[in-house]
PDB file of N, CA and C in Angstrom:
ATOM      1  N   MET A   1     -19.479  -3.951  -1.094  1.00  0.00           N
ATOM      2  CA  MET A   1     -18.056  -3.682  -0.269  1.00  0.00           C
ATOM      3  C   MET A   1     -17.256  -5.816  -0.686  1.00  0.00           C
ATOM      4  N   ALA A   2     -17.063  -6.310   0.407  1.00  0.00           N
ATOM      5  CA  ALA A   2     -15.956  -6.837   0.824  1.00  0.00           C
ATOM      6  C   ALA A   2     -16.718  -8.616   1.034  1.00  0.00           C
ATOM      7  N   SER A   3     -16.983  -9.297   0.384  1.00  0.00           N
ATOM      8  CA  SER A   3     -16.794 -10.240   0.333  1.00  0.00           C
ATOM      9  C   SER A   3     -15.459 -11.750   0.032  1.00  0.00           C
ATOM     10  N   ILE A   4     -15.970 -13.115   0.773  1.00  0.00           N
ATOM     11  CA  ILE A   4     -14.880 -13.997   1.028  1.00  0.00           C
ATOM     12  C   ILE A   4     -14.446 -14.083  -0.919  1.00  0.00           C
ATOM     13  N   ASN A   5     -14.906 -14.074  -1.942  1.00  0.00           N
ATOM     14  CA  ASN A   5     -14.033 -13.795  -3.355  1.00  0.00           C
ATOM     15  C   ASN A   5     -13.663 -12.602  -3.545  1.00  0.00           C
ATOM     16  N   LYS A   6     -14.074 -11.550  -3.004  1.00  0.00           N
ATOM     17  CA  LYS A   6     -13.758 -10.377  -4.044  1.00  0.00           C
ATOM     18  C   LYS A   6     -13.721  -9.445  -2.840  1.00  0.00           C
ATOM     19  N   ILE A   7     -12.317  -8.469  -2.658  1.00  0.00           N
ATOM     20  CA  ILE A   7     -12.256  -7.643  -1.601  1.00  0.00           C
ATOM     21  C   ILE A   7     -12.171  -6.086  -2.652  1.00  0.00           C
ATOM     22  N   ASP A   8     -13.098  -5.043  -2.317  1.00  0.00           N
ATOM     23  CA  ASP A   8     -13.119  -3.502  -2.850  1.00  0.00           C
ATOM     24  C   ASP A   8     -12.533  -2.924  -1.885  1.00  0.00           C
ATOM     25  N   ILE A   9     -11.139  -2.762  -2.817  1.00  0.00           N
ATOM     26  CA  ILE A   9     -10.751  -1.401  -2.157  1.00  0.00           C
ATOM     27  C   ILE A   9     -10.392  -0.508  -2.917  1.00  0.00           C
ATOM     28  N   PRO A  10     -11.196   0.649  -2.284  1.00  0.00           N
ATOM     29  CA  PRO A  10     -10.957   2.204  -3.810  1.00  0.00           C
ATOM     30  C   PRO A  10      -9.608   2.475  -4.191  1.00  0.00           C
ATOM     31  N   LYS A  11      -9.295   3.269  -5.044  1.00  0.00           N
ATOM     32  CA  LYS A  11      -8.039   3.106  -4.851  1.00  0.00           C
ATOM     33  C   LYS A  11      -7.273   4.639  -3.846  1.00  0.00           C
ATOM     34  N   LEU A  12      -6.101   4.691  -3.912  1.00  0.00           N
ATOM     35  CA  LEU A  12      -5.742   6.048  -3.184  1.00  0.00           C
ATOM     36  C   LEU A  12      -5.401   6.970  -4.073  1.00  0.00           C
ATOM     37  N   LYS A  13      -5.847   7.675  -3.087  1.00  0.00           N
ATOM     38  CA  LYS A  13      -6.363   9.166  -4.114  1.00  0.00           C
ATOM     39  C   LYS A  13      -5.653  10.209  -3.887  1.00  0.00           C
ATOM     40  N   ARG A  14      -4.259  10.674  -2.878  1.00  0.00           N
ATOM     41  CA  ARG A  14      -3.588  11.346  -2.047  1.00  0.00           C
ATOM     42  C   ARG A  14      -3.621  11.302  -1.383  1.00  0.00           C
ATOM     43  N   THR A  15      -3.912  12.223  -0.690  1.00  0.00           N
ATOM     44  CA  THR A  15      -4.509  13.249   1.114  1.00  0.00           C
ATOM     45  C   THR A  15      -5.925  12.781   1.157  1.00  0.00           C
ATOM     46  N   GLU A  16      -7.087  12.355  -0.084  1.00  0.00           N
ATOM     47  CA  GLU A  16      -8.371  12.075  -0.051  1.00  0.00           C
ATOM     48  C   GLU A  16      -8.956  11.360   0.783  1.00  0.00           C
ATOM     49  N   ASN A  17      -8.059  10.404   0.347  1.00  0.00           N
ATOM     50  CA  ASN A  17      -8.330   9.122   1.464  1.00  0.00           C
ATOM     51  C   ASN A  17      -7.063   8.501   2.218  1.00  0.00           C
ATOM     52  N   TYR A  18      -6.297   8.634   2.162  1.00  0.00           N
ATOM     53  CA  TYR A  18      -4.751   8.382   2.708  1.00  0.00           C
ATOM     54  C   TYR A  18      -5.147   6.909   3.548  1.00  0.00           C
ATOM     55  N   ILE A  19      -5.937   7.553   4.860  1.00  0.00           N
ATOM     56  CA  ILE A  19      -5.820   6.956   5.888  1.00  0.00           C
ATOM     57  C   ILE A  19      -6.688   6.258   5.630  1.00  0.00           C
ATOM     58  N   ILE A  20      -8.089   5.973   5.312  1.00  0.00           N
ATOM     59  CA  ILE A  20      -8.687   4.782   5.036  1.00  0.00           C
ATOM     60  C   ILE A  20      -8.382   3.596   3.992  1.00  0.00           C
ATOM     61  N   TRP A  21      -7.600   4.587   3.173  1.00  0.00           N
ATOM     62  CA  TRP A  21      -6.856   3.218   2.046  1.00  0.00           C
ATOM     63  C   TRP A  21      -6.010   2.570   2.503  1.00  0.00           C
ATOM     64  N   SER A  22      -5.326   3.210   3.760  1.00  0.00           N
ATOM     65  CA  SER A  22      -4.136   2.581   4.472  1.00  0.00           C
ATOM     66  C   SER A  22      -4.335   1.534   5.420  1.00  0.00           C
ATOM     67  N   ILE A  23      -5.814   1.492   5.912  1.00  0.00           N
ATOM     68  CA  ILE A  23      -6.060   0.838   6.674  1.00  0.00           C
ATOM     69  C   ILE A  23      -6.512  -0.596   6.070  1.00  0.00           C
ATOM     70  N   ARG A  24      -7.171  -0.101   4.917  1.00  0.00           N
ATOM     71  CA  ARG A  24      -8.073  -1.394   4.195  1.00  0.00           C
ATOM     72  C   ARG A  24      -6.530  -2.325   3.772  1.00  0.00           C
ATOM     73  N   THR A  25      -5.922  -1.628   3.551  1.00  0.00           N
ATOM     74  CA  THR A  25      -4.584  -2.087   2.043  1.00  0.00           C
ATOM     75  C   THR A  25      -3.703  -2.811   3.514  1.00  0.00           C
ATOM     76  N   LYS A  26      -3.233  -2.364   4.496  1.00  0.00           N
ATOM     77  CA  LYS A  26      -2.714  -3.077   5.759  1.00  0.00           C
ATOM     78  C   LYS A  26      -3.229  -4.256   5.641  1.00  0.00           C
ATOM     79  N   ALA A  27      -4.904  -4.880   5.847  1.00  0.00           N
ATOM     80  CA  ALA A  27      -5.925  -5.398   6.255  1.00  0.00           C
ATOM     81  C   ALA A  27      -5.401  -6.563   5.527  1.00  0.00           C
ATOM     82  N   LEU A  28      -5.327  -6.083   4.256  1.00  0.00           N
ATOM     83  CA  LEU A  28      -5.473  -7.095   2.558  1.00  0.00           C
ATOM     84  C   LEU A  28      -3.863  -7.533   2.777  1.00  0.00           C
ATOM     85  N   LEU A  29      -3.063  -7.148   3.445  1.00  0.00           N
ATOM     86  CA  LEU A  29      -1.801  -7.573   3.360  1.00  0.00           C
ATOM     87  C   LEU A  29      -1.613  -8.474   4.450  1.00  0.00           C
ATOM     88  N   VAL A  30      -1.971  -8.390   5.578  1.00  0.00           N
ATOM     89  CA  VAL A  30      -2.100  -9.343   6.741  1.00  0.00           C
ATOM     90  C   VAL A  30      -2.839 -10.530   5.730  1.00  0.00           C
ATOM     91  N   GLN A  31      -3.958 -10.160   5.315  1.00  0.00           N
ATOM     92  CA  GLN A  31      -4.715 -11.689   4.462  1.00  0.00           C
ATOM     93  C   GLN A  31      -4.291 -11.658   4.105  1.00  0.00           C
ATOM     94  N   GLU A  32      -3.200 -11.717   3.443  1.00  0.00           N
ATOM     95  CA  GLU A  32      -2.505 -12.041   2.105  1.00  0.00           C
ATOM     96  C   GLU A  32      -1.343 -12.748   2.659  1.00  0.00           C
ATOM     97  N   ASP A  33      -0.856 -12.278   4.605  1.00  0.00           N
ATOM     98  CA  ASP A  33       0.455 -12.983   5.190  1.00  0.00           C
ATOM     99  C   ASP A  33       1.507 -12.161   4.545  1.00  0.00           C
ATOM    100  N   LEU A  34       1.624 -10.860   3.724  1.00  0.00           N
ATOM    101  CA  LEU A  34       2.686  -9.969   2.969  1.00  0.00           C
ATOM    102  C   LEU A  34       2.881  -9.054   4.263  1.00  0.00           C
ATOM    103  N   LEU A  35       2.537  -8.801   5.306  1.00  0.00           N
ATOM    104  CA  LEU A  35       2.919  -7.430   6.258  1.00  0.00           C
ATOM    105  C   LEU A  35       4.178  -7.297   6.567  1.00  0.00           C
ATOM    106  N   ASN A  36       5.148  -8.606   7.111  1.00  0.00           N
ATOM    107  CA  ASN A  36       6.158  -8.162   6.583  1.00  0.00           C
ATOM    108  C   ASN A  36       6.978  -8.097   5.815  1.00  0.00           C
ATOM    109  N   SER A  37       6.969  -7.311   4.686  1.00  0.00           N
ATOM    110  CA  SER A  37       6.775  -6.868   3.492  1.00  0.00           C
ATOM    111  C   SER A  37       7.131  -5.479   3.889  1.00  0.00           C
ATOM    112  N   LEU A  38       6.449  -4.447   4.547  1.00  0.00           N
ATOM    113  CA  LEU A  38       6.022  -3.247   5.077  1.00  0.00           C
ATOM    114  C   LEU A  38       7.084  -3.259   6.355  1.00  0.00           C
ATOM    115  N   LYS A  39       7.490  -4.149   6.712  1.00  0.00           N
ATOM    116  CA  LYS A  39       8.762  -3.894   7.652  1.00  0.00           C
ATOM    117  C   LYS A  39      10.168  -3.662   7.857  1.00  0.00           C
ATOM    118  N   TYR A  40      10.711  -5.159   6.322  1.00  0.00           N
ATOM    119  CA  TYR A  40      11.895  -5.090   5.906  1.00  0.00           C
ATOM    120  C   TYR A  40      11.810  -5.199   4.802  1.00  0.00           C
ATOM    121  N   TYR A  41      13.351  -4.360   4.474  1.00  0.00           N
ATOM    122  CA  TYR A  41      13.423  -4.382   3.319  1.00  0.00           C
ATOM    123  C   TYR A  41      14.126  -5.762   2.599  1.00  0.00           C
ATOM    124  N   SER A  42      13.684  -5.942   1.686  1.00  0.00           N
ATOM    125  CA  SER A  42      14.182  -6.973   1.249  1.00  0.00           C
ATOM    126  C   SER A  42      13.160  -7.424  -0.531  1.00  0.00           C
ATOM    127  N   ILE A  43      13.819  -8.057  -1.144  1.00  0.00           N
ATOM    128  CA  ILE A  43      13.678  -8.575  -2.883  1.00  0.00           C
ATOM    129  C   ILE A  43      13.291  -9.841  -2.749  1.00  0.00           C
ATOM    130  N   SER A  44      12.035  -9.895  -2.773  1.00  0.00           N
ATOM    131  CA  SER A  44      11.364 -11.550  -2.519  1.00  0.00           C
ATOM    132  C   SER A  44      10.278 -11.369  -3.345  1.00  0.00           C
ATOM    133  N   ALA A  45       9.542 -12.541  -3.397  1.00  0.00           N
ATOM    134  CA  ALA A  45       8.428 -13.217  -4.153  1.00  0.00           C
ATOM    135  C   ALA A  45       7.429 -12.068  -3.328  1.00  0.00           C
ATOM    136  N   GLN A  46       7.701 -12.327  -1.912  1.00  0.00           N
ATOM    137  CA  GLN A  46       6.782 -11.928  -0.492  1.00  0.00           C
ATOM    138  C   GLN A  46       6.685 -10.209  -1.018  1.00  0.00           C
ATOM    139  N   ASN A  47       7.605  -9.777  -0.923  1.00  0.00           N
ATOM    140  CA  ASN A  47       7.643  -8.082  -1.078  1.00  0.00           C
ATOM    141  C   ASN A  47       7.389  -7.506  -2.942  1.00  0.00           C
ATOM    142  N   ASN A  48       7.609  -8.643  -3.653  1.00  0.00           N
ATOM    143  CA  ASN A  48       7.209  -8.651  -5.158  1.00  0.00           C
ATOM    144  C   ASN A  48       5.764  -8.499  -5.133  1.00  0.00           C
ATOM    145  N   LYS A  49       4.441  -9.217  -4.418  1.00  0.00           N
ATOM    146  CA  LYS A  49       3.915  -9.349  -4.642  1.00  0.00           C
ATOM    147  C   LYS A  49       2.953  -7.944  -3.815  1.00  0.00           C
ATOM    148  N   ALA A  50       3.499  -7.558  -2.565  1.00  0.00           N
ATOM    149  CA  ALA A  50       3.333  -6.671  -1.606  1.00  0.00           C
ATOM    150  C   ALA A  50       3.117  -5.805  -2.438  1.00  0.00           C
ATOM    151  N   LEU A  51       4.284  -4.850  -3.221  1.00  0.00           N
ATOM    152  CA  LEU A  51       4.532  -4.479  -3.984  1.00  0.00           C
ATOM    153  C   LEU A  51       3.024  -3.739  -4.962  1.00  0.00           C
ATOM    154  N   ALA A  52       2.711  -5.098  -5.993  1.00  0.00           N
ATOM    155  CA  ALA A  52       2.232  -5.369  -6.885  1.00  0.00           C
ATOM    156  C   ALA A  52       0.553  -4.684  -6.319  1.00  0.00           C
ATOM    157  N   ILE A  53       0.555  -5.482  -5.085  1.00  0.00           N
ATOM    158  CA  ILE A  53      -0.970  -4.544  -4.765  1.00  0.00           C
ATOM    159  C   ILE A  53      -0.687  -3.385  -3.904  1.00  0.00           C
ATOM    160  N   ILE A  54       0.544  -2.828  -3.665  1.00  0.00           N
ATOM    161  CA  ILE A  54       0.087  -1.075  -3.151  1.00  0.00           C
ATOM    162  C   ILE A  54      -0.026  -0.427  -4.848  1.00  0.00           C
ATOM    163  N   LYS A  55       0.856  -0.947  -5.565  1.00  0.00           N
ATOM    164  CA  LYS A  55       1.017   0.039  -6.749  1.00  0.00           C
ATOM    165  C   LYS A  55      -0.586  -0.473  -7.503  1.00  0.00           C
ATOM    166  N   LEU A  56      -1.425  -1.701  -7.700  1.00  0.00           N
ATOM    167  CA  LEU A  56      -2.475  -1.910  -8.040  1.00  0.00           C
ATOM    168  C   LEU A  56      -3.451  -1.162  -7.021  1.00  0.00           C
ATOM    169  N   LEU A  57      -3.429  -0.559  -6.125  1.00  0.00           N
ATOM    170  CA  LEU A  57      -4.010   0.052  -5.480  1.00  0.00           C
ATOM    171  C   LEU A  57      -3.960   1.916  -5.904  1.00  0.00           C
ATOM    172  N   TYR A  58      -3.615   2.364  -6.159  1.00  0.00           N
ATOM    173  CA  TYR A  58      -2.809   3.737  -6.008  1.00  0.00           C
ATOM    174  C   TYR A  58      -3.461   3.846  -7.437  1.00  0.00           C
ATOM    175  N   GLU A  59      -3.926   5.413  -7.820  1.00  0.00           N
ATOM    176  CA  GLU A  59      -4.142   6.060  -8.482  1.00  0.00           C
ATOM    177  C   GLU A  59      -3.232   6.270  -9.792  1.00  0.00           C
ATOM    178  N   ASP A  60      -3.421   6.487 -11.326  1.00  0.00           N
ATOM    179  CA  ASP A  60      -3.024   6.240 -12.610  1.00  0.00           C
ATOM    180  C   ASP A  60      -1.947   7.558 -11.753  1.00  0.00           C
ATOM    181  N   ASN A  61      -2.740   8.555 -12.001  1.00  0.00           N
ATOM    182  CA  ASN A  61      -1.667   9.806 -12.307  1.00  0.00           C
ATOM    183  C   ASN A  61      -0.854  10.580 -11.270  1.00  0.00           C
ATOM    184  N   THR A  62      -0.964   9.768 -10.303  1.00  0.00           N
ATOM    185  CA  THR A  62       0.629   9.908  -8.854  1.00  0.00           C
ATOM    186  C   THR A  62       1.089   8.865  -8.931  1.00  0.00           C
ATOM    187  N   LEU A  63       1.539   7.947  -9.334  1.00  0.00           N
ATOM    188  CA  LEU A  63       2.349   6.269  -9.146  1.00  0.00           C
ATOM    189  C   LEU A  63       2.924   6.324  -9.765  1.00  0.00           C
ATOM    190  N   LEU A  64       3.597   7.713 -10.010  1.00  0.00           N
ATOM    191  CA  LEU A  64       4.959   8.240 -10.939  1.00  0.00           C
ATOM    192  C   LEU A  64       5.957   8.425  -9.667  1.00  0.00           C
ATOM    193  N   TYR A  65       5.118   8.396  -8.194  1.00  0.00           N
ATOM    194  CA  TYR A  65       5.860   8.327  -7.221  1.00  0.00           C
ATOM    195  C   TYR A  65       6.487   7.511  -6.911  1.00  0.00           C
ATOM    196  N   ILE A  66       5.856   5.989  -7.075  1.00  0.00           N
ATOM    197  CA  ILE A  66       6.840   4.916  -6.683  1.00  0.00           C
ATOM    198  C   ILE A  66       6.927   4.318  -7.616  1.00  0.00           C
ATOM    199  N   ARG A  67       7.098   4.291  -9.120  1.00  0.00           N
ATOM    200  CA  ARG A  67       6.979   3.741  -9.917  1.00  0.00           C
ATOM    201  C   ARG A  67       7.993   2.425 -10.192  1.00  0.00           C
ATOM    202  N   ASP A  68       9.435   3.483  -9.780  1.00  0.00           N
ATOM    203  CA  ASP A  68      10.634   2.561  -9.905  1.00  0.00           C
ATOM    204  C   ASP A  68      10.756   1.511  -9.050  1.00  0.00           C
ATOM    205  N   GLU A  69      10.052   1.690  -7.228  1.00  0.00           N
ATOM    206  CA  GLU A  69      10.456   1.349  -6.628  1.00  0.00           C
ATOM    207  C   GLU A  69      10.668  -0.197  -6.713  1.00  0.00           C
ATOM    208  N   THR A  70      11.288  -0.943  -5.586  1.00  0.00           N
ATOM    209  CA  THR A  70      11.261  -1.811  -5.469  1.00  0.00           C
ATOM    210  C   THR A  70      10.933  -2.265  -4.061  1.00  0.00           C
ATOM    211  N   SER A  71      10.981  -2.218  -3.330  1.00  0.00           N
ATOM    212  CA  SER A  71      10.697  -2.259  -2.446  1.00  0.00           C
ATOM    213  C   SER A  71       9.411  -2.124  -1.995  1.00  0.00           C
ATOM    214  N   ALA A  72       8.461  -3.079  -0.954  1.00  0.00           N
ATOM    215  CA  ALA A  72       7.654  -2.509  -0.922  1.00  0.00           C
ATOM    216  C   ALA A  72       7.430  -1.417   0.835  1.00  0.00           C
ATOM    217  N   LYS A  73       8.434  -1.703   1.856  1.00  0.00           N
ATOM    218  CA  LYS A  73       8.495  -1.098   2.341  1.00  0.00           C
ATOM    219  C   LYS A  73       8.894   0.066   2.340  1.00  0.00           C
ATOM    220  N   LYS A  74       9.544   0.633   1.097  1.00  0.00           N
ATOM    221  CA  LYS A  74       9.930   1.802   0.768  1.00  0.00           C
ATOM    222  C   LYS A  74       9.069   2.787   0.302  1.00  0.00           C
ATOM    223  N   ALA A  75       8.038   1.609  -0.674  1.00  0.00           N
ATOM    224  CA  ALA A  75       7.467   1.953  -1.267  1.00  0.00           C
ATOM    225  C   ALA A  75       5.878   2.772  -0.278  1.00  0.00           C
ATOM    226  N   TRP A  76       5.598   1.985   0.660  1.00  0.00           N
ATOM    227  CA  TRP A  76       4.800   1.953   1.958  1.00  0.00           C
ATOM    228  C   TRP A  76       5.040   3.397   3.001  1.00  0.00           C
ATOM    229  N   GLU A  77       6.795   3.611   2.841  1.00  0.00           N
ATOM    230  CA  GLU A  77       7.135   4.978   3.575  1.00  0.00           C
ATOM    231  C   GLU A  77       6.973   6.430   2.653  1.00  0.00           C
ATOM    232  N   THR A  78       7.152   6.321   1.342  1.00  0.00           N
ATOM    233  CA  THR A  78       7.187   7.379   0.448  1.00  0.00           C
ATOM    234  C   THR A  78       5.665   7.726   0.884  1.00  0.00           C
ATOM    235  N   LEU A  79       4.595   6.725   0.423  1.00  0.00           N
ATOM    236  CA  LEU A  79       3.243   7.298   0.678  1.00  0.00           C
ATOM    237  C   LEU A  79       2.543   8.163   1.535  1.00  0.00           C
ATOM    238  N   ARG A  80       2.765   7.079   2.920  1.00  0.00           N
ATOM    239  CA  ARG A  80       3.132   8.206   4.347  1.00  0.00           C
ATOM    240  C   ARG A  80       3.670   9.463   4.391  1.00  0.00           C
ATOM    241  N   GLU A  81       5.254   9.434   4.168  1.00  0.00           N
ATOM    242  CA  GLU A  81       5.321  10.770   4.628  1.00  0.00           C
ATOM    243  C   GLU A  81       4.490  11.835   3.244  1.00  0.00           C
ATOM    244  N   THR A  82       4.259  11.029   1.891  1.00  0.00           N
ATOM    245  CA  THR A  82       3.206  12.063   1.076  1.00  0.00           C
ATOM    246  C   THR A  82       2.550  12.237   1.624  1.00  0.00           C
ATOM    247  N   TYR A  83       1.748  11.444   1.799  1.00  0.00           N
ATOM    248  CA  TYR A  83      -0.200  11.445   1.631  1.00  0.00           C
ATOM    249  C   TYR A  83      -0.680  11.769   3.819  1.00  0.00           C
ATOM    250  N   GLN A  84       0.432  11.179   4.658  1.00  0.00           N
ATOM    251  CA  GLN A  84      -0.730  11.409   5.676  1.00  0.00           C
ATOM    252  C   GLN A  84      -0.541  12.752   6.453  1.00  0.00           C
ATOM    253  N   ARG A  85      -1.595  13.684   6.586  1.00  0.00           N
ATOM    254  CA  ARG A  85      -1.923  14.745   7.651  1.00  0.00           C
ATOM    255  C   ARG A  85      -1.847  14.847   8.720  1.00  0.00           C
ATOM    256  N   PHE A  86      -1.545  13.427   9.257  1.00  0.00           N
ATOM    257  CA  PHE A  86      -1.544  13.245  10.725  1.00  0.00           C
ATOM    258  C   PHE A  86      -1.095  13.167  11.227  1.00  0.00           C
ATOM    259  N   LYS A  87      -0.440  12.920  12.836  1.00  0.00           N
ATOM    260  CA  LYS A  87       1.090  12.918  13.342  1.00  0.00           C
ATOM    261  C   LYS A  87       0.913  11.341  13.477  1.00  0.00           C
ATOM    262  N   TYR A  88      -0.194  10.513  14.170  1.00  0.00           N
ATOM    263  CA  TYR A  88       0.130   9.134  14.044  1.00  0.00           C
ATOM    264  C   TYR A  88       0.579   8.299  13.137  1.00  0.00           C
ATOM    265  N   GLN A  89       0.926   6.894  12.862  1.00  0.00           N
ATOM    266  CA  GLN A  89       1.160   6.276  12.270  1.00  0.00           C
ATOM    267  C   GLN A  89       0.595   5.107  11.982  1.00  0.00           C
ATOM    268  N   ILE A  90       0.443   4.232  11.051  1.00  0.00           N
ATOM    269  CA  ILE A  90      -0.919   3.352  10.804  1.00  0.00           C
ATOM    270  C   ILE A  90       0.380   2.257  10.314  1.00  0.00           C
TER     271      ILE A  90
END
């Protein structure tokens, strides 16, 4: 699965794997020092990198939910509201 040079995170498949996907994606954003992009609305290089990671780890057939989003925070919130089945927040 994961190594120093390659991280293998399955793409988000709606509610099927949202919880595990969000945990792994958040860990990747921490590793890349991009977690603040999920806490604050901003248009910055850091935001753009975080948003790219989120969009690249999302299946094609449902990418339309966030296709025009420019904020990593807003994209993350949209996905959480759309796919999270549980009441606790990740």
